[in-house]
Amino acid sequence: MKTVAQIAAELQGYDPQALTSTDVNRFLAQLAEPVAQIEEIGIFDALGRVLAHDVISPVSVPPHDNSAMDGYAFDGAQLAAHAALVLTV
């Protein structure tokens, strides 16, 4: 199994001097401000605002379990490297 350093070295544009996720989280926490006030406004006036609470629909839309898929998947590990491949769909 590859190490994190080996995987990172293979990434295009990887910068070992980049900030760690911990440092980024600390930086972003300094920019965030707690909500000081909550207003109740109409839905059409809410564009560009941040919700104080979740909005949950009282009805399911669509009214049934739904699973959608766009595209196809295959196990790339089973393909020959650097070889042409034609898939029939």
PDB file of N, CA and C in Angstrom:
ATOM      1  N   MET A   1       0.842  -1.181   0.000  1.00  0.00           N
ATOM      2  CA  MET A   1       0.000   0.000   0.000  1.00  0.00           C
ATOM      3  C   MET A   1       0.886   1.244   0.000  1.00  0.00           C
ATOM      4  N   LYS A   2       0.501   2.237  -0.799  1.00  0.00           N
ATOM      5  CA  LYS A   2       1.279   3.468  -0.883  1.00  0.00           C
ATOM      6  C   LYS A   2       1.079   4.322   0.363  1.00  0.00           C
ATOM      7  N   THR A   3       2.089   5.106   0.673  1.00  0.00           N
ATOM      8  CA  THR A   3       1.978   6.051   1.779  1.00  0.00           C
ATOM      9  C   THR A   3       1.293   7.315   1.280  1.00  0.00           C
ATOM     10  N   VAL A   4       0.840   8.154   2.205  1.00  0.00           N
ATOM     11  CA  VAL A   4       0.224   9.421   1.832  1.00  0.00           C
ATOM     12  C   VAL A   4       1.226  10.267   1.050  1.00  0.00           C
ATOM     13  N   ALA A   5       2.480  10.266   1.466  1.00  0.00           N
ATOM     14  CA  ALA A   5       3.512  11.048   0.777  1.00  0.00           C
ATOM     15  C   ALA A   5       3.695  10.570  -0.662  1.00  0.00           C
ATOM     16  N   GLN A   6       3.648   9.256  -0.883  1.00  0.00           N
ATOM     17  CA  GLN A   6       3.797   8.724  -2.240  1.00  0.00           C
ATOM     18  C   GLN A   6       2.616   9.124  -3.122  1.00  0.00           C
ATOM     19  N   ILE A   7       1.427   9.032  -2.572  1.00  0.00           N
ATOM     20  CA  ILE A   7       0.232   9.410  -3.336  1.00  0.00           C
ATOM     21  C   ILE A   7       0.273  10.902  -3.655  1.00  0.00           C
ATOM     22  N   ALA A   8       0.606  11.722  -2.661  1.00  0.00           N
ATOM     23  CA  ALA A   8       0.655  13.170  -2.857  1.00  0.00           C
ATOM     24  C   ALA A   8       1.695  13.555  -3.901  1.00  0.00           C
ATOM     25  N   ALA A   9       2.822  12.859  -3.925  1.00  0.00           N
ATOM     26  CA  ALA A   9       3.885  13.157  -4.889  1.00  0.00           C
ATOM     27  C   ALA A   9       3.434  12.897  -6.322  1.00  0.00           C
ATOM     28  N   GLU A  10       2.453  12.024  -6.512  1.00  0.00           N
ATOM     29  CA  GLU A  10       1.949  11.706  -7.848  1.00  0.00           C
ATOM     30  C   GLU A  10       0.885  12.690  -8.325  1.00  0.00           C
ATOM     31  N   LEU A  11       0.388  13.522  -7.435  1.00  0.00           N
ATOM     32  CA  LEU A  11      -0.672  14.455  -7.796  1.00  0.00           C
ATOM     33  C   LEU A  11      -0.100  15.633  -8.563  1.00  0.00           C
ATOM     34  N   GLN A  12      -0.728  15.960  -9.677  1.00  0.00           N
ATOM     35  CA  GLN A  12      -0.284  17.091 -10.474  1.00  0.00           C
ATOM     36  C   GLN A  12      -0.521  18.380  -9.688  1.00  0.00           C
ATOM     37  N   GLY A  13       0.485  19.207  -9.593  1.00  0.00           N
ATOM     38  CA  GLY A  13       0.355  20.471  -8.884  1.00  0.00           C
ATOM     39  C   GLY A  13       0.483  20.355  -7.382  1.00  0.00           C
ATOM     40  N   TYR A  14       0.871  19.201  -6.872  1.00  0.00           N
ATOM     41  CA  TYR A  14       1.013  19.025  -5.423  1.00  0.00           C
ATOM     42  C   TYR A  14       2.113  19.931  -4.898  1.00  0.00           C
ATOM     43  N   ASP A  15       1.840  20.627  -3.832  1.00  0.00           N
ATOM     44  CA  ASP A  15       2.806  21.526  -3.210  1.00  0.00           C
ATOM     45  C   ASP A  15       3.045  21.076  -1.776  1.00  0.00           C
ATOM     46  N   PRO A  16       4.231  20.516  -1.483  1.00  0.00           N
ATOM     47  CA  PRO A  16       4.494  20.049  -0.119  1.00  0.00           C
ATOM     48  C   PRO A  16       4.531  21.188   0.896  1.00  0.00           C
ATOM     49  N   GLN A  17       4.622  22.437   0.416  1.00  0.00           N
ATOM     50  CA  GLN A  17       4.630  23.588   1.320  1.00  0.00           C
ATOM     51  C   GLN A  17       3.220  24.129   1.579  1.00  0.00           C
ATOM     52  N   ALA A  18       2.221  23.482   1.012  1.00  0.00           N
ATOM     53  CA  ALA A  18       0.843  23.936   1.186  1.00  0.00           C
ATOM     54  C   ALA A  18       0.430  23.814   2.650  1.00  0.00           C
ATOM     55  N   LEU A  19      -0.575  24.582   3.019  1.00  0.00           N
ATOM     56  CA  LEU A  19      -1.078  24.542   4.391  1.00  0.00           C
ATOM     57  C   LEU A  19      -1.709  23.190   4.696  1.00  0.00           C
ATOM     58  N   THR A  20      -1.596  22.778   5.933  1.00  0.00           N
ATOM     59  CA  THR A  20      -2.271  21.552   6.359  1.00  0.00           C
ATOM     60  C   THR A  20      -3.756  21.855   6.547  1.00  0.00           C
ATOM     61  N   SER A  21      -4.568  20.825   6.575  1.00  0.00           N
ATOM     62  CA  SER A  21      -6.004  21.030   6.781  1.00  0.00           C
ATOM     63  C   SER A  21      -6.272  21.665   8.144  1.00  0.00           C
ATOM     64  N   THR A  22      -5.471  21.330   9.139  1.00  0.00           N
ATOM     65  CA  THR A  22      -5.630  21.929  10.472  1.00  0.00           C
ATOM     66  C   THR A  22      -5.382  23.427  10.410  1.00  0.00           C
ATOM     67  N   ASP A  23      -4.310  23.836   9.705  1.00  0.00           N
ATOM     68  CA  ASP A  23      -4.008  25.262   9.575  1.00  0.00           C
ATOM     69  C   ASP A  23      -5.100  25.992   8.801  1.00  0.00           C
ATOM     70  N   VAL A  24      -5.610  25.368   7.750  1.00  0.00           N
ATOM     71  CA  VAL A  24      -6.682  25.981   6.963  1.00  0.00           C
ATOM     72  C   VAL A  24      -7.929  26.148   7.825  1.00  0.00           C
ATOM     73  N   ASN A  25      -8.268  25.132   8.611  1.00  0.00           N
ATOM     74  CA  ASN A  25      -9.444  25.228   9.483  1.00  0.00           C
ATOM     75  C   ASN A  25      -9.286  26.350  10.499  1.00  0.00           C
ATOM     76  N   ARG A  26      -8.092  26.506  11.060  1.00  0.00           N
ATOM     77  CA  ARG A  26      -7.848  27.603  12.013  1.00  0.00           C
ATOM     78  C   ARG A  26      -8.023  28.958  11.327  1.00  0.00           C
ATOM     79  N   PHE A  27      -7.483  29.075  10.112  1.00  0.00           N
ATOM     80  CA  PHE A  27      -7.588  30.318   9.352  1.00  0.00           C
ATOM     81  C   PHE A  27      -9.049  30.654   9.067  1.00  0.00           C
ATOM     82  N   LEU A  28      -9.807  29.664   8.590  1.00  0.00           N
ATOM     83  CA  LEU A  28     -11.213  29.895   8.266  1.00  0.00           C
ATOM     84  C   LEU A  28     -12.037  30.214   9.506  1.00  0.00           C
ATOM     85  N   ALA A  29     -11.693  29.615  10.628  1.00  0.00           N
ATOM     86  CA  ALA A  29     -12.417  29.887  11.874  1.00  0.00           C
ATOM     87  C   ALA A  29     -12.269  31.351  12.278  1.00  0.00           C
ATOM     88  N   GLN A  30     -11.140  31.962  11.931  1.00  0.00           N
ATOM     89  CA  GLN A  30     -10.941  33.377  12.244  1.00  0.00           C
ATOM     90  C   GLN A  30     -11.813  34.272  11.368  1.00  0.00           C
ATOM     91  N   LEU A  31     -12.184  33.795  10.189  1.00  0.00           N
ATOM     92  CA  LEU A  31     -13.019  34.577   9.282  1.00  0.00           C
ATOM     93  C   LEU A  31     -14.506  34.444   9.593  1.00  0.00           C
ATOM     94  N   ALA A  32     -14.887  33.336  10.191  1.00  0.00           N
ATOM     95  CA  ALA A  32     -16.304  33.073  10.467  1.00  0.00           C
ATOM     96  C   ALA A  32     -16.765  33.884  11.676  1.00  0.00           C
ATOM     97  N   GLU A  33     -17.977  34.379  11.577  1.00  0.00           N
ATOM     98  CA  GLU A  33     -18.562  35.118  12.691  1.00  0.00           C
ATOM     99  C   GLU A  33     -19.846  34.419  13.128  1.00  0.00           C
ATOM    100  N   PRO A  34     -20.083  34.362  14.427  1.00  0.00           N
ATOM    101  CA  PRO A  34     -21.323  33.729  14.887  1.00  0.00           C
ATOM    102  C   PRO A  34     -22.538  34.572  14.486  1.00  0.00           C
ATOM    103  N   VAL A  35     -23.671  33.911  14.350  1.00  0.00           N
ATOM    104  CA  VAL A  35     -24.911  34.611  14.017  1.00  0.00           C
ATOM    105  C   VAL A  35     -25.299  35.474  15.207  1.00  0.00           C
ATOM    106  N   ALA A  36     -25.490  36.768  14.959  1.00  0.00           N
ATOM    107  CA  ALA A  36     -25.802  37.695  16.042  1.00  0.00           C
ATOM    108  C   ALA A  36     -27.303  37.916  16.181  1.00  0.00           C
ATOM    109  N   GLN A  37     -28.035  37.719  15.087  1.00  0.00           N
ATOM    110  CA  GLN A  37     -29.457  38.037  15.107  1.00  0.00           C
ATOM    111  C   GLN A  37     -30.182  37.145  14.109  1.00  0.00           C
ATOM    112  N   ILE A  38     -31.403  36.768  14.435  1.00  0.00           N
ATOM    113  CA  ILE A  38     -32.227  35.962  13.534  1.00  0.00           C
ATOM    114  C   ILE A  38     -33.448  36.787  13.149  1.00  0.00           C
ATOM    115  N   GLU A  39     -33.731  36.825  11.830  1.00  0.00           N
ATOM    116  CA  GLU A  39     -34.903  37.525  11.323  1.00  0.00           C
ATOM    117  C   GLU A  39     -35.835  36.526  10.658  1.00  0.00           C
ATOM    118  N   GLU A  40     -37.113  36.796  10.690  1.00  0.00           N
ATOM    119  CA  GLU A  40     -38.066  36.019   9.907  1.00  0.00           C
ATOM    120  C   GLU A  40     -38.488  36.891   8.740  1.00  0.00           C
ATOM    121  N   ILE A  41     -38.217  36.387   7.511  1.00  0.00           N
ATOM    122  CA  ILE A  41     -38.554  37.136   6.304  1.00  0.00           C
ATOM    123  C   ILE A  41     -39.238  36.200   5.322  1.00  0.00           C
ATOM    124  N   GLY A  42     -39.853  36.763   4.315  1.00  0.00           N
ATOM    125  CA  GLY A  42     -40.524  35.971   3.290  1.00  0.00           C
ATOM    126  C   GLY A  42     -39.519  35.219   2.436  1.00  0.00           C
ATOM    127  N   ILE A  43     -39.971  34.137   1.837  1.00  0.00           N
ATOM    128  CA  ILE A  43     -39.093  33.270   1.056  1.00  0.00           C
ATOM    129  C   ILE A  43     -38.437  34.017  -0.104  1.00  0.00           C
ATOM    130  N   PHE A  44     -39.158  34.932  -0.747  1.00  0.00           N
ATOM    131  CA  PHE A  44     -38.595  35.640  -1.896  1.00  0.00           C
ATOM    132  C   PHE A  44     -37.558  36.686  -1.479  1.00  0.00           C
ATOM    133  N   ASP A  45     -37.582  37.092  -0.226  1.00  0.00           N
ATOM    134  CA  ASP A  45     -36.584  38.035   0.278  1.00  0.00           C
ATOM    135  C   ASP A  45     -35.362  37.318   0.850  1.00  0.00           C
ATOM    136  N   ALA A  46     -35.395  35.996   0.865  1.00  0.00           N
ATOM    137  CA  ALA A  46     -34.334  35.221   1.510  1.00  0.00           C
ATOM    138  C   ALA A  46     -33.146  34.920   0.598  1.00  0.00           C
ATOM    139  N   LEU A  47     -33.232  35.291  -0.675  1.00  0.00           N
ATOM    140  CA  LEU A  47     -32.148  35.013  -1.612  1.00  0.00           C
ATOM    141  C   LEU A  47     -30.842  35.655  -1.129  1.00  0.00           C
ATOM    142  N   GLY A  48     -29.789  34.849  -1.068  1.00  0.00           N
ATOM    143  CA  GLY A  48     -28.486  35.344  -0.633  1.00  0.00           C
ATOM    144  C   GLY A  48     -28.309  35.358   0.875  1.00  0.00           C
ATOM    145  N   ARG A  49     -29.299  34.901   1.603  1.00  0.00           N
ATOM    146  CA  ARG A  49     -29.226  34.868   3.061  1.00  0.00           C
ATOM    147  C   ARG A  49     -28.792  33.493   3.547  1.00  0.00           C
ATOM    148  N   VAL A  50     -28.467  33.396   4.829  1.00  0.00           N
ATOM    149  CA  VAL A  50     -28.090  32.138   5.470  1.00  0.00           C
ATOM    150  C   VAL A  50     -29.231  31.716   6.385  1.00  0.00           C
ATOM    151  N   LEU A  51     -29.613  30.443   6.297  1.00  0.00           N
ATOM    152  CA  LEU A  51     -30.708  29.947   7.133  1.00  0.00           C
ATOM    153  C   LEU A  51     -30.269  29.785   8.583  1.00  0.00           C
ATOM    154  N   ALA A  52     -31.141  30.151   9.499  1.00  0.00           N
ATOM    155  CA  ALA A  52     -30.872  29.938  10.916  1.00  0.00           C
ATOM    156  C   ALA A  52     -31.233  28.513  11.319  1.00  0.00           C
ATOM    157  N   HIS A  53     -32.186  27.924  10.617  1.00  0.00           N
ATOM    158  CA  HIS A  53     -32.645  26.565  10.904  1.00  0.00           C
ATOM    159  C   HIS A  53     -32.878  25.840   9.580  1.00  0.00           C
ATOM    160  N   ASP A  54     -32.834  24.520   9.616  1.00  0.00           N
ATOM    161  CA  ASP A  54     -33.112  23.729   8.422  1.00  0.00           C
ATOM    162  C   ASP A  54     -34.555  23.934   7.971  1.00  0.00           C
ATOM    163  N   VAL A  55     -34.763  23.931   6.665  1.00  0.00           N
ATOM    164  CA  VAL A  55     -36.109  23.944   6.096  1.00  0.00           C
ATOM    165  C   VAL A  55     -36.371  22.533   5.594  1.00  0.00           C
ATOM    166  N   ILE A  56     -37.399  21.897   6.119  1.00  0.00           N
ATOM    167  CA  ILE A  56     -37.713  20.515   5.770  1.00  0.00           C
ATOM    168  C   ILE A  56     -39.117  20.461   5.195  1.00  0.00           C
ATOM    169  N   SER A  57     -39.228  19.877   4.019  1.00  0.00           N
ATOM    170  CA  SER A  57     -40.523  19.764   3.363  1.00  0.00           C
ATOM    171  C   SER A  57     -41.418  18.793   4.128  1.00  0.00           C
ATOM    172  N   PRO A  58     -42.694  19.123   4.277  1.00  0.00           N
ATOM    173  CA  PRO A  58     -43.618  18.200   4.943  1.00  0.00           C
ATOM    174  C   PRO A  58     -44.032  17.037   4.044  1.00  0.00           C
ATOM    175  N   VAL A  59     -43.699  17.109   2.753  1.00  0.00           N
ATOM    176  CA  VAL A  59     -44.037  16.030   1.824  1.00  0.00           C
ATOM    177  C   VAL A  59     -42.778  15.563   1.109  1.00  0.00           C
ATOM    178  N   SER A  60     -42.768  14.289   0.739  1.00  0.00           N
ATOM    179  CA  SER A  60     -41.638  13.747  -0.006  1.00  0.00           C
ATOM    180  C   SER A  60     -41.764  14.124  -1.474  1.00  0.00           C
ATOM    181  N   VAL A  61     -40.676  14.596  -2.060  1.00  0.00           N
ATOM    182  CA  VAL A  61     -40.670  14.939  -3.476  1.00  0.00           C
ATOM    183  C   VAL A  61     -39.457  14.285  -4.103  1.00  0.00           C
ATOM    184  N   PRO A  62     -39.617  13.333  -4.998  1.00  0.00           N
ATOM    185  CA  PRO A  62     -40.866  12.730  -5.447  1.00  0.00           C
ATOM    186  C   PRO A  62     -41.494  11.894  -4.329  1.00  0.00           C
ATOM    187  N   PRO A  63     -42.762  11.553  -4.490  1.00  0.00           N
ATOM    188  CA  PRO A  63     -43.477  10.858  -3.420  1.00  0.00           C
ATOM    189  C   PRO A  63     -43.163   9.365  -3.324  1.00  0.00           C
ATOM    190  N   HIS A  64     -41.972   8.963  -3.749  1.00  0.00           N
ATOM    191  CA  HIS A  64     -41.570   7.555  -3.683  1.00  0.00           C
ATOM    192  C   HIS A  64     -40.045   7.496  -3.602  1.00  0.00           C
ATOM    193  N   ASP A  65     -39.524   6.339  -3.208  1.00  0.00           N
ATOM    194  CA  ASP A  65     -38.076   6.166  -3.202  1.00  0.00           C
ATOM    195  C   ASP A  65     -37.567   6.331  -4.624  1.00  0.00           C
ATOM    196  N   ASN A  66     -36.470   7.049  -4.776  1.00  0.00           N
ATOM    197  CA  ASN A  66     -35.952   7.324  -6.111  1.00  0.00           C
ATOM    198  C   ASN A  66     -34.437   7.174  -6.113  1.00  0.00           C
ATOM    199  N   SER A  67     -33.956   6.447  -7.071  1.00  0.00           N
ATOM    200  CA  SER A  67     -32.519   6.314  -7.251  1.00  0.00           C
ATOM    201  C   SER A  67     -32.230   6.572  -8.717  1.00  0.00           C
ATOM    202  N   ALA A  68     -31.395   7.552  -8.990  1.00  0.00           N
ATOM    203  CA  ALA A  68     -31.089   7.890 -10.377  1.00  0.00           C
ATOM    204  C   ALA A  68     -29.601   7.713 -10.633  1.00  0.00           C
ATOM    205  N   MET A  69     -29.273   7.394 -11.874  1.00  0.00           N
ATOM    206  CA  MET A  69     -27.881   7.179 -12.240  1.00  0.00           C
ATOM    207  C   MET A  69     -27.658   7.780 -13.615  1.00  0.00           C
ATOM    208  N   ASP A  70     -26.560   8.438 -13.774  1.00  0.00           N
ATOM    209  CA  ASP A  70     -26.149   8.964 -15.065  1.00  0.00           C
ATOM    210  C   ASP A  70     -24.775   8.409 -15.363  1.00  0.00           C
ATOM    211  N   GLY A  71     -24.637   7.616 -16.394  1.00  0.00           N
ATOM    212  CA  GLY A  71     -23.325   7.115 -16.774  1.00  0.00           C
ATOM    213  C   GLY A  71     -23.129   5.660 -16.421  1.00  0.00           C
ATOM    214  N   TYR A  72     -21.887   5.236 -16.543  1.00  0.00           N
ATOM    215  CA  TYR A  72     -21.521   3.843 -16.328  1.00  0.00           C
ATOM    216  C   TYR A  72     -20.275   3.784 -15.456  1.00  0.00           C
ATOM    217  N   ALA A  73     -20.056   2.639 -14.821  1.00  0.00           N
ATOM    218  CA  ALA A  73     -18.864   2.450 -13.994  1.00  0.00           C
ATOM    219  C   ALA A  73     -18.247   1.105 -14.308  1.00  0.00           C
ATOM    220  N   PHE A  74     -16.942   1.015 -14.150  1.00  0.00           N
ATOM    221  CA  PHE A  74     -16.239  -0.250 -14.322  1.00  0.00           C
ATOM    222  C   PHE A  74     -14.991  -0.222 -13.460  1.00  0.00           C
ATOM    223  N   ASP A  75     -14.417  -1.371 -13.233  1.00  0.00           N
ATOM    224  CA  ASP A  75     -13.226  -1.495 -12.398  1.00  0.00           C
ATOM    225  C   ASP A  75     -11.996  -1.204 -13.242  1.00  0.00           C
ATOM    226  N   GLY A  76     -11.445  -0.018 -13.102  1.00  0.00           N
ATOM    227  CA  GLY A  76     -10.289   0.389 -13.887  1.00  0.00           C
ATOM    228  C   GLY A  76      -9.059  -0.450 -13.631  1.00  0.00           C
ATOM    229  N   ALA A  77      -8.985  -1.083 -12.463  1.00  0.00           N
ATOM    230  CA  ALA A  77      -7.825  -1.919 -12.139  1.00  0.00           C
ATOM    231  C   ALA A  77      -7.757  -3.145 -13.044  1.00  0.00           C
ATOM    232  N   GLN A  78      -8.883  -3.523 -13.640  1.00  0.00           N
ATOM    233  CA  GLN A  78      -8.894  -4.693 -14.514  1.00  0.00           C
ATOM    234  C   GLN A  78      -8.524  -4.358 -15.958  1.00  0.00           C
ATOM    235  N   LEU A  79      -8.275  -3.081 -16.241  1.00  0.00           N
ATOM    236  CA  LEU A  79      -7.934  -2.670 -17.599  1.00  0.00           C
ATOM    237  C   LEU A  79      -6.424  -2.661 -17.791  1.00  0.00           C
ATOM    238  N   ALA A  80      -6.001  -2.966 -18.990  1.00  0.00           N
ATOM    239  CA  ALA A  80      -4.572  -2.932 -19.311  1.00  0.00           C
ATOM    240  C   ALA A  80      -4.129  -1.477 -19.416  1.00  0.00           C
ATOM    241  N   ALA A  81      -3.017  -1.159 -18.768  1.00  0.00           N
ATOM    242  CA  ALA A  81      -2.510   0.209 -18.790  1.00  0.00           C
ATOM    243  C   ALA A  81      -2.028   0.569 -20.187  1.00  0.00           C
ATOM    244  N   HIS A  82      -2.276   1.805 -20.592  1.00  0.00           N
ATOM    245  CA  HIS A  82      -1.800   2.352 -21.867  1.00  0.00           C
ATOM    246  C   HIS A  82      -2.245   1.517 -23.070  1.00  0.00           C
ATOM    247  N   ALA A  83      -3.415   0.927 -23.013  1.00  0.00           N
ATOM    248  CA  ALA A  83      -3.931   0.146 -24.138  1.00  0.00           C
ATOM    249  C   ALA A  83      -5.263   0.747 -24.573  1.00  0.00           C
ATOM    250  N   ALA A  84      -5.528   0.692 -25.854  1.00  0.00           N
ATOM    251  CA  ALA A  84      -6.796   1.191 -26.369  1.00  0.00           C
ATOM    252  C   ALA A  84      -7.928   0.303 -25.858  1.00  0.00           C
ATOM    253  N   LEU A  85      -9.076   0.898 -25.654  1.00  0.00           N
ATOM    254  CA  LEU A  85     -10.211   0.151 -25.129  1.00  0.00           C
ATOM    255  C   LEU A  85     -11.481   0.649 -25.797  1.00  0.00           C
ATOM    256  N   VAL A  86     -12.305  -0.269 -26.248  1.00  0.00           N
ATOM    257  CA  VAL A  86     -13.605   0.066 -26.815  1.00  0.00           C
ATOM    258  C   VAL A  86     -14.654  -0.659 -25.994  1.00  0.00           C
ATOM    259  N   LEU A  87     -15.601   0.096 -25.465  1.00  0.00           N
ATOM    260  CA  LEU A  87     -16.678  -0.489 -24.675  1.00  0.00           C
ATOM    261  C   LEU A  87     -17.973  -0.399 -25.473  1.00  0.00           C
ATOM    262  N   THR A  88     -18.698  -1.483 -25.554  1.00  0.00           N
ATOM    263  CA  THR A  88     -19.984  -1.498 -26.232  1.00  0.00           C
ATOM    264  C   THR A  88     -21.077  -1.273 -25.201  1.00  0.00           C
ATOM    265  N   VAL A  89     -21.913  -0.301 -25.476  1.00  0.00           N
ATOM    266  CA  VAL A  89     -22.986   0.023 -24.540  1.00  0.00           C
ATOM    267  C   VAL A  89     -24.306  -0.309 -25.190  1.00  0.00           C
TER     268      VAL A  89
END
